[in-house]
């Protein structure tokens, strides 16, 4: 099984840059996208991949946020937003198009785009509330489902996950409270499979557009495949693809062996 996740920073922009032609060459089973920034009637022709079942959950605000899933196999069910799964307290975040989930039997594949708190103290508080609410939700979901949570979490977990960690300890995305929350997320049973497979590698998934951050690999790792136990045990490799520029984020490709394959 191959699962790809990417923050496209605009599905129309990514399409113009050749993202979907590249993606088709991967023969992936699932694509998780974040920040599509388009309503469903604005999805470009290049993104209408006939080999995939396509599900979009845009934000109500035009040109903002939004998530999507492309699945080769038709899901048993697709959940748009968190309100139907976990209550009305999610309505404000659901209006921003931050969560979509496809169920395949006992497996839930999730594409999610966590809030960024970098623009203001108010947005940081909204981010912290999202984190507080998400932890018990995902813990309960894992009682009945194997899960893979894919997306832009807007948090670099460890020092190794960003180049300039010393200068970012008071900035959103690397605050002690956020990093501690990430510790708790792993304690409930999720696995950061890239970090488990490559514990010492300096690997980033996002680079600022300022200066020559991408050229000099001055980045952050804020995009993840987080898997529950059984799926994590089947993880073979995870690769950040940097050869082509589709977005300020790079696509991340994760390969898993089949459940009946002991090799």
C-alpha atoms as a PDB file:
ATOM      1  CA  UNK A   1       0.000   0.000   0.000  1.00  0.00           C
ATOM      2  CA  UNK A   2       1.297   3.443  -0.910  1.00  0.00           C
ATOM      3  CA  UNK A   3      -0.043   6.587   0.789  1.00  0.00           C
ATOM      4  CA  UNK A   4       1.021  10.076  -0.276  1.00  0.00           C
ATOM      5  CA  UNK A   5       0.395  13.247   1.697  1.00  0.00           C
ATOM      6  CA  UNK A   6       1.063  16.834   0.634  1.00  0.00           C
ATOM      7  CA  UNK A   7       0.054  20.374   1.462  1.00  0.00           C
ATOM      8  CA  UNK A   8      -0.411  21.654  -2.091  1.00  0.00           C
ATOM      9  CA  UNK A   9      -0.795  25.327  -1.094  1.00  0.00           C
ATOM     10  CA  UNK A  10      -3.555  25.598  -3.695  1.00  0.00           C
ATOM     11  CA  UNK A  11      -4.735  22.680  -5.832  1.00  0.00           C
ATOM     12  CA  UNK A  12      -4.971  24.876  -8.912  1.00  0.00           C
ATOM     13  CA  UNK A  13      -1.406  26.102  -8.467  1.00  0.00           C
ATOM     14  CA  UNK A  14      -0.108  22.563  -7.925  1.00  0.00           C
ATOM     15  CA  UNK A  15      -1.938  21.355 -11.028  1.00  0.00           C
ATOM     16  CA  UNK A  16      -0.304  24.063 -13.142  1.00  0.00           C
ATOM     17  CA  UNK A  17       3.088  22.925 -11.851  1.00  0.00           C
ATOM     18  CA  UNK A  18       2.497  19.326 -12.972  1.00  0.00           C
ATOM     19  CA  UNK A  19       1.673  17.752  -9.616  1.00  0.00           C
ATOM     20  CA  UNK A  20      -1.037  15.407 -10.872  1.00  0.00           C
ATOM     21  CA  UNK A  21       1.011  14.074 -13.774  1.00  0.00           C
ATOM     22  CA  UNK A  22       3.755  13.293 -11.284  1.00  0.00           C
ATOM     23  CA  UNK A  23       1.310  11.746  -8.816  1.00  0.00           C
ATOM     24  CA  UNK A  24      -0.194   9.435 -11.436  1.00  0.00           C
ATOM     25  CA  UNK A  25       3.273   7.993 -12.081  1.00  0.00           C
ATOM     26  CA  UNK A  26       3.471   6.789  -8.471  1.00  0.00           C
ATOM     27  CA  UNK A  27       0.601   4.294  -8.725  1.00  0.00           C
ATOM     28  CA  UNK A  28      -0.347   5.235  -5.154  1.00  0.00           C
ATOM     29  CA  UNK A  29      -3.385   3.868  -3.357  1.00  0.00           C
ATOM     30  CA  UNK A  30      -4.306   7.041  -1.477  1.00  0.00           C
ATOM     31  CA  UNK A  31      -3.488  10.731  -1.788  1.00  0.00           C
ATOM     32  CA  UNK A  32      -4.119  13.021   1.180  1.00  0.00           C
ATOM     33  CA  UNK A  33      -4.092  16.719   0.311  1.00  0.00           C
ATOM     34  CA  UNK A  34      -4.226  19.787   2.502  1.00  0.00           C
ATOM     35  CA  UNK A  35      -4.765  23.470   1.769  1.00  0.00           C
ATOM     36  CA  UNK A  36      -6.540  22.871  -1.530  1.00  0.00           C
ATOM     37  CA  UNK A  37      -7.902  26.447  -1.473  1.00  0.00           C
ATOM     38  CA  UNK A  38     -10.731  25.720  -3.900  1.00  0.00           C
ATOM     39  CA  UNK A  39     -14.398  24.817  -3.967  1.00  0.00           C
ATOM     40  CA  UNK A  40     -15.301  21.559  -5.694  1.00  0.00           C
ATOM     41  CA  UNK A  41     -16.498  23.361  -8.843  1.00  0.00           C
ATOM     42  CA  UNK A  42     -13.082  25.054  -9.035  1.00  0.00           C
ATOM     43  CA  UNK A  43     -11.069  21.830  -9.127  1.00  0.00           C
ATOM     44  CA  UNK A  44      -9.014  21.936 -12.354  1.00  0.00           C
ATOM     45  CA  UNK A  45      -9.338  19.347 -15.101  1.00  0.00           C
ATOM     46  CA  UNK A  46      -5.816  18.069 -14.445  1.00  0.00           C
ATOM     47  CA  UNK A  47      -6.930  16.994 -10.970  1.00  0.00           C
ATOM     48  CA  UNK A  48      -9.904  14.921 -12.152  1.00  0.00           C
ATOM     49  CA  UNK A  49      -8.049  11.612 -12.075  1.00  0.00           C
ATOM     50  CA  UNK A  50     -10.383   8.910 -13.389  1.00  0.00           C
ATOM     51  CA  UNK A  51      -8.531   6.093 -11.640  1.00  0.00           C
ATOM     52  CA  UNK A  52      -9.388   7.553  -8.233  1.00  0.00           C
ATOM     53  CA  UNK A  53     -12.463   8.208  -6.153  1.00  0.00           C
ATOM     54  CA  UNK A  54     -12.143  11.874  -5.201  1.00  0.00           C
ATOM     55  CA  UNK A  55     -13.462  13.553  -2.080  1.00  0.00           C
ATOM     56  CA  UNK A  56     -13.115  17.258  -1.275  1.00  0.00           C
ATOM     57  CA  UNK A  57     -13.844  19.160   1.911  1.00  0.00           C
ATOM     58  CA  UNK A  58     -13.231  22.840   1.171  1.00  0.00           C
ATOM     59  CA  UNK A  59     -13.381  25.713   3.611  1.00  0.00           C
ATOM     60  CA  UNK A  60     -16.411  27.977   3.523  1.00  0.00           C
ATOM     61  CA  UNK A  61     -14.091  30.942   2.974  1.00  0.00           C
ATOM     62  CA  UNK A  62     -12.978  31.219  -0.632  1.00  0.00           C
ATOM     63  CA  UNK A  63      -9.319  30.516  -1.363  1.00  0.00           C
ATOM     64  CA  UNK A  64      -8.597  29.210   2.137  1.00  0.00           C
ATOM     65  CA  UNK A  65      -7.599  25.881   3.718  1.00  0.00           C
ATOM     66  CA  UNK A  66      -9.537  22.753   2.665  1.00  0.00           C
ATOM     67  CA  UNK A  67      -8.578  19.067   2.516  1.00  0.00           C
ATOM     68  CA  UNK A  68      -9.092  16.217   0.071  1.00  0.00           C
ATOM     69  CA  UNK A  69      -8.670  12.476  -0.420  1.00  0.00           C
ATOM     70  CA  UNK A  70      -8.040  10.495  -3.609  1.00  0.00           C
ATOM     71  CA  UNK A  71      -8.604   6.743  -3.190  1.00  0.00           C
ATOM     72  CA  UNK A  72      -8.136   3.935  -5.721  1.00  0.00           C
ATOM     73  CA  UNK A  73     -10.495   1.708  -3.756  1.00  0.00           C
ATOM     74  CA  UNK A  74     -13.926   3.099  -3.007  1.00  0.00           C
ATOM     75  CA  UNK A  75     -14.204   3.730   0.748  1.00  0.00           C
ATOM     76  CA  UNK A  76     -16.992   2.186   2.774  1.00  0.00           C
ATOM     77  CA  UNK A  77     -17.738   5.643   4.143  1.00  0.00           C
ATOM     78  CA  UNK A  78     -16.317   9.163   4.033  1.00  0.00           C
ATOM     79  CA  UNK A  79     -16.630  11.572   6.964  1.00  0.00           C
ATOM     80  CA  UNK A  80     -16.507  15.273   6.143  1.00  0.00           C
ATOM     81  CA  UNK A  81     -15.344  17.207   9.179  1.00  0.00           C
ATOM     82  CA  UNK A  82     -15.210  16.310  12.843  1.00  0.00           C
ATOM     83  CA  UNK A  83     -18.668  17.466  13.932  1.00  0.00           C
ATOM     84  CA  UNK A  84     -20.454  14.312  12.774  1.00  0.00           C
ATOM     85  CA  UNK A  85     -17.835  12.188  14.537  1.00  0.00           C
ATOM     86  CA  UNK A  86     -17.239  14.136  17.723  1.00  0.00           C
ATOM     87  CA  UNK A  87     -19.841  16.826  18.329  1.00  0.00           C
ATOM     88  CA  UNK A  88     -20.837  20.377  17.519  1.00  0.00           C
ATOM     89  CA  UNK A  89     -17.851  21.985  19.259  1.00  0.00           C
ATOM     90  CA  UNK A  90     -15.958  21.304  16.021  1.00  0.00           C
ATOM     91  CA  UNK A  91     -18.216  23.455  13.838  1.00  0.00           C
ATOM     92  CA  UNK A  92     -15.915  26.481  13.669  1.00  0.00           C
ATOM     93  CA  UNK A  93     -12.950  24.343  12.616  1.00  0.00           C
ATOM     94  CA  UNK A  94     -15.103  22.336  10.224  1.00  0.00           C
ATOM     95  CA  UNK A  95     -16.055  25.576   8.493  1.00  0.00           C
ATOM     96  CA  UNK A  96     -12.343  25.901   7.746  1.00  0.00           C
ATOM     97  CA  UNK A  97     -12.187  22.496   6.021  1.00  0.00           C
ATOM     98  CA  UNK A  98      -9.566  20.816   8.194  1.00  0.00           C
ATOM     99  CA  UNK A  99     -10.505  17.118   8.385  1.00  0.00           C
ATOM    100  CA  UNK A 100     -11.688  14.356   6.074  1.00  0.00           C
ATOM    101  CA  UNK A 101     -11.693  10.624   6.834  1.00  0.00           C
ATOM    102  CA  UNK A 102     -12.189   7.592   4.593  1.00  0.00           C
ATOM    103  CA  UNK A 103     -13.052   4.241   6.163  1.00  0.00           C
ATOM    104  CA  UNK A 104     -11.960   0.957   4.599  1.00  0.00           C
ATOM    105  CA  UNK A 105     -13.208  -1.782   6.911  1.00  0.00           C
ATOM    106  CA  UNK A 106     -11.309  -1.315  10.168  1.00  0.00           C
ATOM    107  CA  UNK A 107      -8.861   1.163   8.611  1.00  0.00           C
ATOM    108  CA  UNK A 108      -9.409   4.931   8.748  1.00  0.00           C
ATOM    109  CA  UNK A 109      -7.311   7.134   6.441  1.00  0.00           C
ATOM    110  CA  UNK A 110      -7.341  10.777   7.510  1.00  0.00           C
ATOM    111  CA  UNK A 111      -6.237  13.950   5.749  1.00  0.00           C
ATOM    112  CA  UNK A 112      -5.998  16.857   8.150  1.00  0.00           C
ATOM    113  CA  UNK A 113      -4.696  20.410   8.181  1.00  0.00           C
ATOM    114  CA  UNK A 114      -4.049  21.719  11.689  1.00  0.00           C
ATOM    115  CA  UNK A 115      -4.352  25.451  12.364  1.00  0.00           C
ATOM    116  CA  UNK A 116      -1.282  27.654  12.341  1.00  0.00           C
ATOM    117  CA  UNK A 117      -0.876  30.013  15.243  1.00  0.00           C
ATOM    118  CA  UNK A 118       1.796  32.197  13.714  1.00  0.00           C
ATOM    119  CA  UNK A 119      -0.405  35.105  12.633  1.00  0.00           C
ATOM    120  CA  UNK A 120      -1.715  36.219  16.039  1.00  0.00           C
ATOM    121  CA  UNK A 121      -2.153  35.297  19.687  1.00  0.00           C
ATOM    122  CA  UNK A 122      -5.834  34.644  18.957  1.00  0.00           C
ATOM    123  CA  UNK A 123      -4.980  32.129  16.241  1.00  0.00           C
ATOM    124  CA  UNK A 124      -2.470  30.454  18.554  1.00  0.00           C
ATOM    125  CA  UNK A 125      -5.178  30.002  21.179  1.00  0.00           C
ATOM    126  CA  UNK A 126      -7.464  28.483  18.528  1.00  0.00           C
ATOM    127  CA  UNK A 127      -4.657  26.110  17.594  1.00  0.00           C
ATOM    128  CA  UNK A 128      -4.117  25.048  21.203  1.00  0.00           C
ATOM    129  CA  UNK A 129      -7.842  24.399  21.622  1.00  0.00           C
ATOM    130  CA  UNK A 130      -7.811  22.293  18.445  1.00  0.00           C
ATOM    131  CA  UNK A 131      -4.944  20.232  19.853  1.00  0.00           C
ATOM    132  CA  UNK A 132      -6.704  19.755  23.183  1.00  0.00           C
ATOM    133  CA  UNK A 133      -9.874  18.537  21.464  1.00  0.00           C
ATOM    134  CA  UNK A 134      -8.127  16.376  18.881  1.00  0.00           C
ATOM    135  CA  UNK A 135      -6.198  14.195  21.324  1.00  0.00           C
ATOM    136  CA  UNK A 136      -9.182  12.522  23.046  1.00  0.00           C
ATOM    137  CA  UNK A 137     -10.981  12.253  19.708  1.00  0.00           C
ATOM    138  CA  UNK A 138      -8.196  10.335  17.982  1.00  0.00           C
ATOM    139  CA  UNK A 139      -7.678   8.196  21.076  1.00  0.00           C
ATOM    140  CA  UNK A 140     -11.328   7.116  20.969  1.00  0.00           C
ATOM    141  CA  UNK A 141     -11.190   6.490  17.224  1.00  0.00           C
ATOM    142  CA  UNK A 142      -8.243   4.157  17.713  1.00  0.00           C
ATOM    143  CA  UNK A 143     -10.351   1.975  19.995  1.00  0.00           C
ATOM    144  CA  UNK A 144     -12.281   0.789  16.932  1.00  0.00           C
ATOM    145  CA  UNK A 145     -10.024   1.586  13.959  1.00  0.00           C
ATOM    146  CA  UNK A 146      -6.503   1.249  12.725  1.00  0.00           C
ATOM    147  CA  UNK A 147      -5.635   4.767  11.597  1.00  0.00           C
ATOM    148  CA  UNK A 148      -3.196   6.658   9.445  1.00  0.00           C
ATOM    149  CA  UNK A 149      -3.304  10.382  10.136  1.00  0.00           C
ATOM    150  CA  UNK A 150      -1.745  12.259   7.231  1.00  0.00           C
ATOM    151  CA  UNK A 151      -1.290  15.963   7.017  1.00  0.00           C
ATOM    152  CA  UNK A 152       0.210  19.272   7.906  1.00  0.00           C
ATOM    153  CA  UNK A 153       0.170  19.445  11.706  1.00  0.00           C
ATOM    154  CA  UNK A 154       2.026  22.787  11.836  1.00  0.00           C
ATOM    155  CA  UNK A 155       4.280  21.405  14.580  1.00  0.00           C
ATOM    156  CA  UNK A 156       7.918  20.339  14.451  1.00  0.00           C
ATOM    157  CA  UNK A 157       8.127  17.723  17.179  1.00  0.00           C
ATOM    158  CA  UNK A 158      11.837  17.479  17.987  1.00  0.00           C
ATOM    159  CA  UNK A 159      14.952  19.581  17.526  1.00  0.00           C
ATOM    160  CA  UNK A 160      15.966  17.395  14.603  1.00  0.00           C
ATOM    161  CA  UNK A 161      12.739  18.358  12.850  1.00  0.00           C
ATOM    162  CA  UNK A 162      13.769  21.920  12.048  1.00  0.00           C
ATOM    163  CA  UNK A 163      17.057  23.496  11.050  1.00  0.00           C
ATOM    164  CA  UNK A 164      17.042  26.543  13.306  1.00  0.00           C
ATOM    165  CA  UNK A 165      15.516  25.087  16.441  1.00  0.00           C
ATOM    166  CA  UNK A 166      17.368  27.402  18.822  1.00  0.00           C
ATOM    167  CA  UNK A 167      15.870  30.515  17.269  1.00  0.00           C
ATOM    168  CA  UNK A 168      12.333  29.115  17.103  1.00  0.00           C
ATOM    169  CA  UNK A 169      11.702  27.980  20.673  1.00  0.00           C
ATOM    170  CA  UNK A 170       9.294  30.878  21.278  1.00  0.00           C
ATOM    171  CA  UNK A 171       7.587  30.636  17.883  1.00  0.00           C
ATOM    172  CA  UNK A 172       4.365  28.863  16.983  1.00  0.00           C
ATOM    173  CA  UNK A 173       5.112  25.431  15.629  1.00  0.00           C
ATOM    174  CA  UNK A 174       7.923  24.714  18.080  1.00  0.00           C
ATOM    175  CA  UNK A 175       6.527  25.906  21.381  1.00  0.00           C
ATOM    176  CA  UNK A 176       7.056  23.653  24.420  1.00  0.00           C
ATOM    177  CA  UNK A 177       3.287  23.258  24.823  1.00  0.00           C
ATOM    178  CA  UNK A 178       2.927  22.072  21.225  1.00  0.00           C
ATOM    179  CA  UNK A 179       5.846  19.676  21.466  1.00  0.00           C
ATOM    180  CA  UNK A 180       4.520  18.263  24.730  1.00  0.00           C
ATOM    181  CA  UNK A 181       1.147  17.711  23.073  1.00  0.00           C
ATOM    182  CA  UNK A 182       2.915  15.793  20.310  1.00  0.00           C
ATOM    183  CA  UNK A 183       4.534  13.605  22.977  1.00  0.00           C
ATOM    184  CA  UNK A 184       1.049  12.866  24.317  1.00  0.00           C
ATOM    185  CA  UNK A 185      -0.200  12.074  20.803  1.00  0.00           C
ATOM    186  CA  UNK A 186       2.440   9.375  20.463  1.00  0.00           C
ATOM    187  CA  UNK A 187       1.665   8.057  23.939  1.00  0.00           C
ATOM    188  CA  UNK A 188      -1.931   7.245  22.939  1.00  0.00           C
ATOM    189  CA  UNK A 189      -0.524   4.809  20.382  1.00  0.00           C
ATOM    190  CA  UNK A 190       0.315   6.677  17.201  1.00  0.00           C
ATOM    191  CA  UNK A 191       3.710   6.240  15.532  1.00  0.00           C
ATOM    192  CA  UNK A 192       5.651   8.860  13.595  1.00  0.00           C
ATOM    193  CA  UNK A 193       6.812   6.304  11.058  1.00  0.00           C
ATOM    194  CA  UNK A 194       9.346   8.503   9.271  1.00  0.00           C
ATOM    195  CA  UNK A 195      11.144   9.279  12.510  1.00  0.00           C
ATOM    196  CA  UNK A 196      11.004   5.646  13.638  1.00  0.00           C
ATOM    197  CA  UNK A 197      12.527   4.464  10.361  1.00  0.00           C
ATOM    198  CA  UNK A 198      15.107   7.271  10.164  1.00  0.00           C
ATOM    199  CA  UNK A 199      15.798   8.406  13.743  1.00  0.00           C
ATOM    200  CA  UNK A 200      18.925  10.454  13.001  1.00  0.00           C
ATOM    201  CA  UNK A 201      18.136  11.948   9.586  1.00  0.00           C
ATOM    202  CA  UNK A 202      17.594  15.684   9.185  1.00  0.00           C
ATOM    203  CA  UNK A 203      14.503  15.565   6.963  1.00  0.00           C
ATOM    204  CA  UNK A 204      12.224  18.529   6.320  1.00  0.00           C
ATOM    205  CA  UNK A 205       8.919  18.927   4.479  1.00  0.00           C
ATOM    206  CA  UNK A 206       8.380  22.717   4.413  1.00  0.00           C
ATOM    207  CA  UNK A 207      10.629  25.638   3.566  1.00  0.00           C
ATOM    208  CA  UNK A 208      10.002  29.354   3.777  1.00  0.00           C
ATOM    209  CA  UNK A 209       9.796  31.246   0.510  1.00  0.00           C
ATOM    210  CA  UNK A 210      12.148  33.823   1.967  1.00  0.00           C
ATOM    211  CA  UNK A 211      15.792  33.893   1.005  1.00  0.00           C
ATOM    212  CA  UNK A 212      17.155  30.581  -0.211  1.00  0.00           C
ATOM    213  CA  UNK A 213      15.602  28.393   2.479  1.00  0.00           C
ATOM    214  CA  UNK A 214      14.738  25.497   0.191  1.00  0.00           C
ATOM    215  CA  UNK A 215      17.982  25.697  -1.754  1.00  0.00           C
ATOM    216  CA  UNK A 216      19.939  25.616   1.515  1.00  0.00           C
ATOM    217  CA  UNK A 217      17.579  23.072   3.120  1.00  0.00           C
ATOM    218  CA  UNK A 218      16.681  25.370   6.005  1.00  0.00           C
ATOM    219  CA  UNK A 219      13.326  23.791   6.706  1.00  0.00           C
ATOM    220  CA  UNK A 220      10.803  22.348   9.101  1.00  0.00           C
ATOM    221  CA  UNK A 221       9.268  18.867   9.236  1.00  0.00           C
ATOM    222  CA  UNK A 222       5.603  19.606   9.924  1.00  0.00           C
ATOM    223  CA  UNK A 223       3.931  17.068   7.591  1.00  0.00           C
ATOM    224  CA  UNK A 224       3.422  13.537   8.860  1.00  0.00           C
ATOM    225  CA  UNK A 225       2.188   9.996   8.434  1.00  0.00           C
ATOM    226  CA  UNK A 226       1.086   8.990  11.942  1.00  0.00           C
ATOM    227  CA  UNK A 227      -0.017   5.361  12.196  1.00  0.00           C
ATOM    228  CA  UNK A 228      -1.500   3.095  14.818  1.00  0.00           C
ATOM    229  CA  UNK A 229       0.381  -0.034  15.872  1.00  0.00           C
ATOM    230  CA  UNK A 230      -0.526  -2.598  13.228  1.00  0.00           C
ATOM    231  CA  UNK A 231      -0.013  -0.262  10.310  1.00  0.00           C
ATOM    232  CA  UNK A 232       3.223   1.130  11.757  1.00  0.00           C
ATOM    233  CA  UNK A 233       4.613  -2.395  11.935  1.00  0.00           C
ATOM    234  CA  UNK A 234       4.006  -2.716   8.192  1.00  0.00           C
ATOM    235  CA  UNK A 235       5.789   0.520   7.248  1.00  0.00           C
ATOM    236  CA  UNK A 236       8.591  -0.178   4.770  1.00  0.00           C
ATOM    237  CA  UNK A 237       9.880   3.265   3.816  1.00  0.00           C
ATOM    238  CA  UNK A 238       8.995   6.952   3.827  1.00  0.00           C
ATOM    239  CA  UNK A 239      10.392   9.417   1.309  1.00  0.00           C
ATOM    240  CA  UNK A 240      10.170  13.199   1.029  1.00  0.00           C
ATOM    241  CA  UNK A 241      10.116  14.070  -2.679  1.00  0.00           C
ATOM    242  CA  UNK A 242      12.073  17.242  -3.501  1.00  0.00           C
ATOM    243  CA  UNK A 243      13.071  16.887  -7.139  1.00  0.00           C
ATOM    244  CA  UNK A 244      10.159  18.977  -8.423  1.00  0.00           C
ATOM    245  CA  UNK A 245       8.622  22.061  -6.841  1.00  0.00           C
ATOM    246  CA  UNK A 246       4.839  21.855  -6.519  1.00  0.00           C
ATOM    247  CA  UNK A 247       4.355  23.853  -3.308  1.00  0.00           C
ATOM    248  CA  UNK A 248       6.279  25.284  -0.367  1.00  0.00           C
ATOM    249  CA  UNK A 249       5.703  21.805   1.095  1.00  0.00           C
ATOM    250  CA  UNK A 250       7.112  18.602  -0.374  1.00  0.00           C
ATOM    251  CA  UNK A 251       5.023  15.451  -0.955  1.00  0.00           C
ATOM    252  CA  UNK A 252       5.732  12.569   1.410  1.00  0.00           C
ATOM    253  CA  UNK A 253       5.397   8.998   0.143  1.00  0.00           C
ATOM    254  CA  UNK A 254       4.924   6.099   2.567  1.00  0.00           C
ATOM    255  CA  UNK A 255       4.976   2.434   1.533  1.00  0.00           C
ATOM    256  CA  UNK A 256       3.478  -0.361   3.617  1.00  0.00           C
ATOM    257  CA  UNK A 257       3.637  -4.092   3.101  1.00  0.00           C
ATOM    258  CA  UNK A 258       0.354  -5.925   2.723  1.00  0.00           C
ATOM    259  CA  UNK A 259      -1.151  -7.360   5.871  1.00  0.00           C
ATOM    260  CA  UNK A 260      -0.761 -10.903   4.557  1.00  0.00           C
ATOM    261  CA  UNK A 261       2.886 -10.375   3.546  1.00  0.00           C
ATOM    262  CA  UNK A 262       5.290 -11.468   6.243  1.00  0.00           C
ATOM    263  CA  UNK A 263       8.405 -10.394   4.312  1.00  0.00           C
END
